[in-house]
């Protein structure tokens, strides 16, 4: 049961990040709401390539957090806590 709650919580957090990021991107075109798009990008911005001659793997992970995605995380946590899961 605990494992199920953890995965549901994780889904809520990812949904909050994605929806918040999307709203932040949409808000960047509105001058009064452009502050929601303010954020920071971090991670491996240049891909790391592992060439094994037969197989080539490319790794790249970038996190783009903005104010709206942080608000989305907070809202997701509040909604999760209000649910009886």
N, C-alpha and C. Protein backbone atom coordinates (compact mmCIF):
# COMPACT_ATOMS: atom_id res chain seq x y z
N UNK A 1 0.82 -1.20 0.00
CA UNK A 1 0.00 0.00 0.00
C UNK A 1 0.87 1.26 0.00
N UNK A 2 1.95 1.24 0.78
CA UNK A 2 2.84 2.40 0.82
C UNK A 2 3.49 2.64 -0.54
N UNK A 3 3.82 1.55 -1.21
CA UNK A 3 4.44 1.67 -2.52
C UNK A 3 3.49 2.32 -3.51
N UNK A 4 2.23 1.98 -3.44
CA UNK A 4 1.22 2.56 -4.33
C UNK A 4 1.09 4.06 -4.07
N UNK A 5 1.08 4.46 -2.82
CA UNK A 5 0.98 5.89 -2.49
C UNK A 5 2.19 6.67 -2.99
N UNK A 6 3.36 6.06 -2.91
CA UNK A 6 4.57 6.74 -3.39
C UNK A 6 4.47 7.01 -4.89
N UNK A 7 4.02 6.01 -5.67
CA UNK A 7 3.92 6.18 -7.12
C UNK A 7 2.85 7.20 -7.48
N UNK A 8 1.76 7.21 -6.75
CA UNK A 8 0.72 8.21 -7.00
C UNK A 8 1.26 9.61 -6.69
N UNK A 9 1.99 9.74 -5.59
CA UNK A 9 2.60 11.02 -5.24
C UNK A 9 3.57 11.47 -6.33
N UNK A 10 4.38 10.54 -6.83
CA UNK A 10 5.34 10.87 -7.89
C UNK A 10 4.63 11.31 -9.16
N UNK A 11 3.54 10.67 -9.51
CA UNK A 11 2.76 11.06 -10.69
C UNK A 11 2.20 12.47 -10.50
N UNK A 12 1.72 12.78 -9.30
CA UNK A 12 1.21 14.12 -9.03
C UNK A 12 2.31 15.16 -9.17
N UNK A 13 3.49 14.87 -8.66
CA UNK A 13 4.61 15.81 -8.75
C UNK A 13 5.00 16.04 -10.21
N UNK A 14 5.12 14.96 -10.99
CA UNK A 14 5.46 15.11 -12.41
C UNK A 14 4.39 15.88 -13.16
N UNK A 15 3.13 15.61 -12.84
CA UNK A 15 2.03 16.35 -13.49
C UNK A 15 2.10 17.83 -13.14
N UNK A 16 2.43 18.15 -11.88
CA UNK A 16 2.57 19.55 -11.48
C UNK A 16 3.72 20.23 -12.19
N UNK A 17 4.83 19.52 -12.36
CA UNK A 17 5.98 20.09 -13.07
C UNK A 17 5.63 20.35 -14.53
N UNK A 18 5.02 19.36 -15.16
CA UNK A 18 4.71 19.48 -16.59
C UNK A 18 3.67 20.56 -16.85
N UNK A 19 2.58 20.52 -16.09
CA UNK A 19 1.53 21.53 -16.29
C UNK A 19 2.01 22.93 -15.92
N UNK A 20 2.79 23.04 -14.85
CA UNK A 20 3.34 24.33 -14.48
C UNK A 20 4.30 24.87 -15.52
N UNK A 21 5.15 23.99 -16.05
CA UNK A 21 6.07 24.41 -17.10
C UNK A 21 5.35 24.86 -18.35
N UNK A 22 4.28 24.13 -18.70
CA UNK A 22 3.48 24.51 -19.86
C UNK A 22 2.81 25.86 -19.65
N UNK A 23 2.23 26.06 -18.47
CA UNK A 23 1.59 27.35 -18.18
C UNK A 23 2.62 28.48 -18.13
N UNK A 24 3.81 28.19 -17.64
CA UNK A 24 4.86 29.20 -17.64
C UNK A 24 5.28 29.58 -19.04
N UNK A 25 5.36 28.60 -19.91
CA UNK A 25 5.71 28.87 -21.30
C UNK A 25 4.62 29.69 -21.99
N UNK A 26 3.37 29.35 -21.73
CA UNK A 26 2.26 30.12 -22.31
C UNK A 26 2.20 31.53 -21.73
N UNK A 27 2.52 31.66 -20.44
CA UNK A 27 2.46 32.97 -19.78
C UNK A 27 3.61 33.87 -20.22
N UNK A 28 4.66 33.31 -20.80
CA UNK A 28 5.79 34.14 -21.20
C UNK A 28 5.42 35.11 -22.32
N UNK A 29 4.33 34.84 -23.03
CA UNK A 29 3.90 35.71 -24.12
C UNK A 29 2.95 36.82 -23.64
N UNK A 30 2.57 36.78 -22.38
CA UNK A 30 1.70 37.81 -21.80
C UNK A 30 2.56 38.67 -20.89
N UNK A 31 2.61 39.95 -21.17
CA UNK A 31 3.55 40.82 -20.45
C UNK A 31 3.30 40.86 -18.94
N UNK A 32 2.04 40.82 -18.51
CA UNK A 32 1.74 40.89 -17.08
C UNK A 32 2.09 39.59 -16.36
N UNK A 33 2.17 38.48 -17.08
CA UNK A 33 2.45 37.18 -16.47
C UNK A 33 3.82 36.62 -16.85
N UNK A 34 4.64 37.43 -17.46
CA UNK A 34 5.94 36.93 -17.94
C UNK A 34 6.85 36.49 -16.79
N UNK A 35 6.59 36.96 -15.59
CA UNK A 35 7.41 36.56 -14.44
C UNK A 35 7.25 35.08 -14.13
N UNK A 36 6.16 34.46 -14.55
CA UNK A 36 5.96 33.02 -14.32
C UNK A 36 6.94 32.18 -15.14
N UNK A 37 7.46 32.73 -16.21
CA UNK A 37 8.39 32.00 -17.07
C UNK A 37 9.84 32.13 -16.61
N UNK A 38 10.10 32.96 -15.60
CA UNK A 38 11.47 33.12 -15.12
C UNK A 38 11.93 31.82 -14.49
N UNK A 39 13.10 31.35 -14.89
CA UNK A 39 13.58 30.09 -14.35
C UNK A 39 15.02 29.83 -14.66
N UNK A 40 15.42 28.61 -14.40
CA UNK A 40 16.81 28.20 -14.56
C UNK A 40 16.84 26.85 -15.24
N UNK A 41 17.82 26.66 -16.09
CA UNK A 41 18.05 25.39 -16.77
C UNK A 41 19.35 24.79 -16.25
N UNK A 42 19.31 23.52 -15.87
CA UNK A 42 20.52 22.87 -15.42
C UNK A 42 20.50 21.40 -15.84
N UNK A 43 21.66 20.82 -15.89
CA UNK A 43 21.80 19.43 -16.30
C UNK A 43 22.90 19.29 -17.33
N UNK A 44 22.85 18.20 -18.08
CA UNK A 44 23.81 17.96 -19.16
C UNK A 44 23.25 18.58 -20.43
N UNK A 45 23.63 19.83 -20.70
CA UNK A 45 23.10 20.51 -21.87
C UNK A 45 23.71 20.00 -23.16
N UNK A 46 24.94 19.54 -23.09
CA UNK A 46 25.59 18.92 -24.25
C UNK A 46 25.48 17.40 -24.09
N UNK A 47 25.07 16.70 -25.12
CA UNK A 47 24.91 15.25 -25.00
C UNK A 47 26.24 14.54 -24.76
N UNK A 48 26.17 13.50 -23.93
CA UNK A 48 27.32 12.63 -23.69
C UNK A 48 27.12 11.39 -24.55
N UNK A 49 28.11 11.09 -25.38
CA UNK A 49 27.99 9.97 -26.31
C UNK A 49 28.90 8.84 -25.86
N UNK A 50 28.32 7.65 -25.77
CA UNK A 50 29.07 6.44 -25.46
C UNK A 50 29.05 5.57 -26.71
N UNK A 51 30.19 5.49 -27.38
CA UNK A 51 30.30 4.74 -28.63
C UNK A 51 30.95 3.39 -28.33
N UNK A 52 30.18 2.31 -28.52
CA UNK A 52 30.68 0.96 -28.26
C UNK A 52 30.92 0.20 -29.56
N UNK A 53 31.09 0.92 -30.65
CA UNK A 53 31.34 0.38 -31.98
C UNK A 53 30.12 -0.29 -32.57
N UNK A 54 29.47 -1.16 -31.85
CA UNK A 54 28.26 -1.82 -32.33
C UNK A 54 27.02 -1.03 -31.93
N UNK A 55 27.13 -0.36 -30.82
CA UNK A 55 26.00 0.37 -30.24
C UNK A 55 26.48 1.74 -29.80
N UNK A 56 25.72 2.76 -30.11
CA UNK A 56 26.06 4.11 -29.69
C UNK A 56 24.92 4.66 -28.84
N UNK A 57 25.25 5.07 -27.62
CA UNK A 57 24.27 5.62 -26.70
C UNK A 57 24.53 7.10 -26.49
N UNK A 58 23.47 7.87 -26.51
CA UNK A 58 23.58 9.31 -26.28
C UNK A 58 22.75 9.67 -25.06
N UNK A 59 23.37 10.33 -24.11
CA UNK A 59 22.70 10.72 -22.88
C UNK A 59 22.61 12.25 -22.80
N UNK A 60 21.44 12.73 -22.48
CA UNK A 60 21.26 14.16 -22.26
C UNK A 60 20.07 14.32 -21.34
N UNK A 61 20.27 15.01 -20.24
CA UNK A 61 19.17 15.29 -19.33
C UNK A 61 19.27 16.75 -18.92
N UNK A 62 18.17 17.46 -19.11
CA UNK A 62 18.13 18.89 -18.82
C UNK A 62 16.85 19.17 -18.04
N UNK A 63 16.98 19.86 -16.94
CA UNK A 63 15.83 20.29 -16.15
C UNK A 63 15.62 21.78 -16.38
N UNK A 64 14.39 22.15 -16.71
CA UNK A 64 14.06 23.55 -16.90
C UNK A 64 12.96 23.91 -15.91
N UNK A 65 13.37 24.44 -14.79
CA UNK A 65 12.41 24.84 -13.76
C UNK A 65 12.12 26.32 -13.89
N UNK A 66 10.84 26.67 -13.78
CA UNK A 66 10.47 28.07 -13.75
C UNK A 66 9.51 28.30 -12.59
N UNK A 67 9.13 29.52 -12.38
CA UNK A 67 8.26 29.86 -11.25
C UNK A 67 6.93 29.10 -11.35
N UNK A 68 6.39 29.00 -12.54
CA UNK A 68 5.10 28.31 -12.72
C UNK A 68 5.21 26.83 -12.39
N UNK A 69 6.33 26.19 -12.72
CA UNK A 69 6.46 24.77 -12.40
C UNK A 69 6.62 24.55 -10.90
N UNK A 70 7.25 25.47 -10.21
CA UNK A 70 7.35 25.37 -8.75
C UNK A 70 5.97 25.53 -8.13
N UNK A 71 5.18 26.48 -8.65
CA UNK A 71 3.80 26.63 -8.18
C UNK A 71 3.01 25.36 -8.48
N UNK A 72 3.24 24.75 -9.63
CA UNK A 72 2.58 23.50 -9.99
C UNK A 72 2.92 22.37 -9.03
N UNK A 73 4.16 22.30 -8.59
CA UNK A 73 4.57 21.29 -7.61
C UNK A 73 3.83 21.51 -6.29
N UNK A 74 3.76 22.76 -5.85
CA UNK A 74 3.08 23.07 -4.59
C UNK A 74 1.60 22.73 -4.67
N UNK A 75 0.96 23.07 -5.78
CA UNK A 75 -0.46 22.75 -5.96
C UNK A 75 -0.66 21.23 -6.01
N UNK A 76 0.24 20.51 -6.67
CA UNK A 76 0.14 19.05 -6.74
C UNK A 76 0.24 18.42 -5.35
N UNK A 77 1.14 18.93 -4.52
CA UNK A 77 1.28 18.41 -3.16
C UNK A 77 0.01 18.70 -2.35
N UNK A 78 -0.54 19.89 -2.49
CA UNK A 78 -1.77 20.24 -1.77
C UNK A 78 -2.92 19.33 -2.21
N UNK A 79 -3.06 19.11 -3.50
CA UNK A 79 -4.12 18.24 -4.00
C UNK A 79 -3.91 16.81 -3.52
N UNK A 80 -2.67 16.33 -3.55
CA UNK A 80 -2.39 14.97 -3.09
C UNK A 80 -2.75 14.80 -1.62
N UNK A 81 -2.37 15.78 -0.80
CA UNK A 81 -2.66 15.68 0.65
C UNK A 81 -4.15 15.77 0.94
N UNK A 82 -4.90 16.46 0.07
CA UNK A 82 -6.34 16.57 0.31
C UNK A 82 -7.09 15.31 -0.12
N UNK A 83 -6.46 14.48 -0.93
CA UNK A 83 -7.07 13.21 -1.36
C UNK A 83 -6.87 12.16 -0.28
N UNK A 84 -7.77 11.20 -0.26
CA UNK A 84 -7.66 10.10 0.68
C UNK A 84 -7.11 8.88 -0.07
N UNK A 85 -5.80 8.89 -0.31
CA UNK A 85 -5.17 7.80 -1.07
C UNK A 85 -4.52 6.85 -0.10
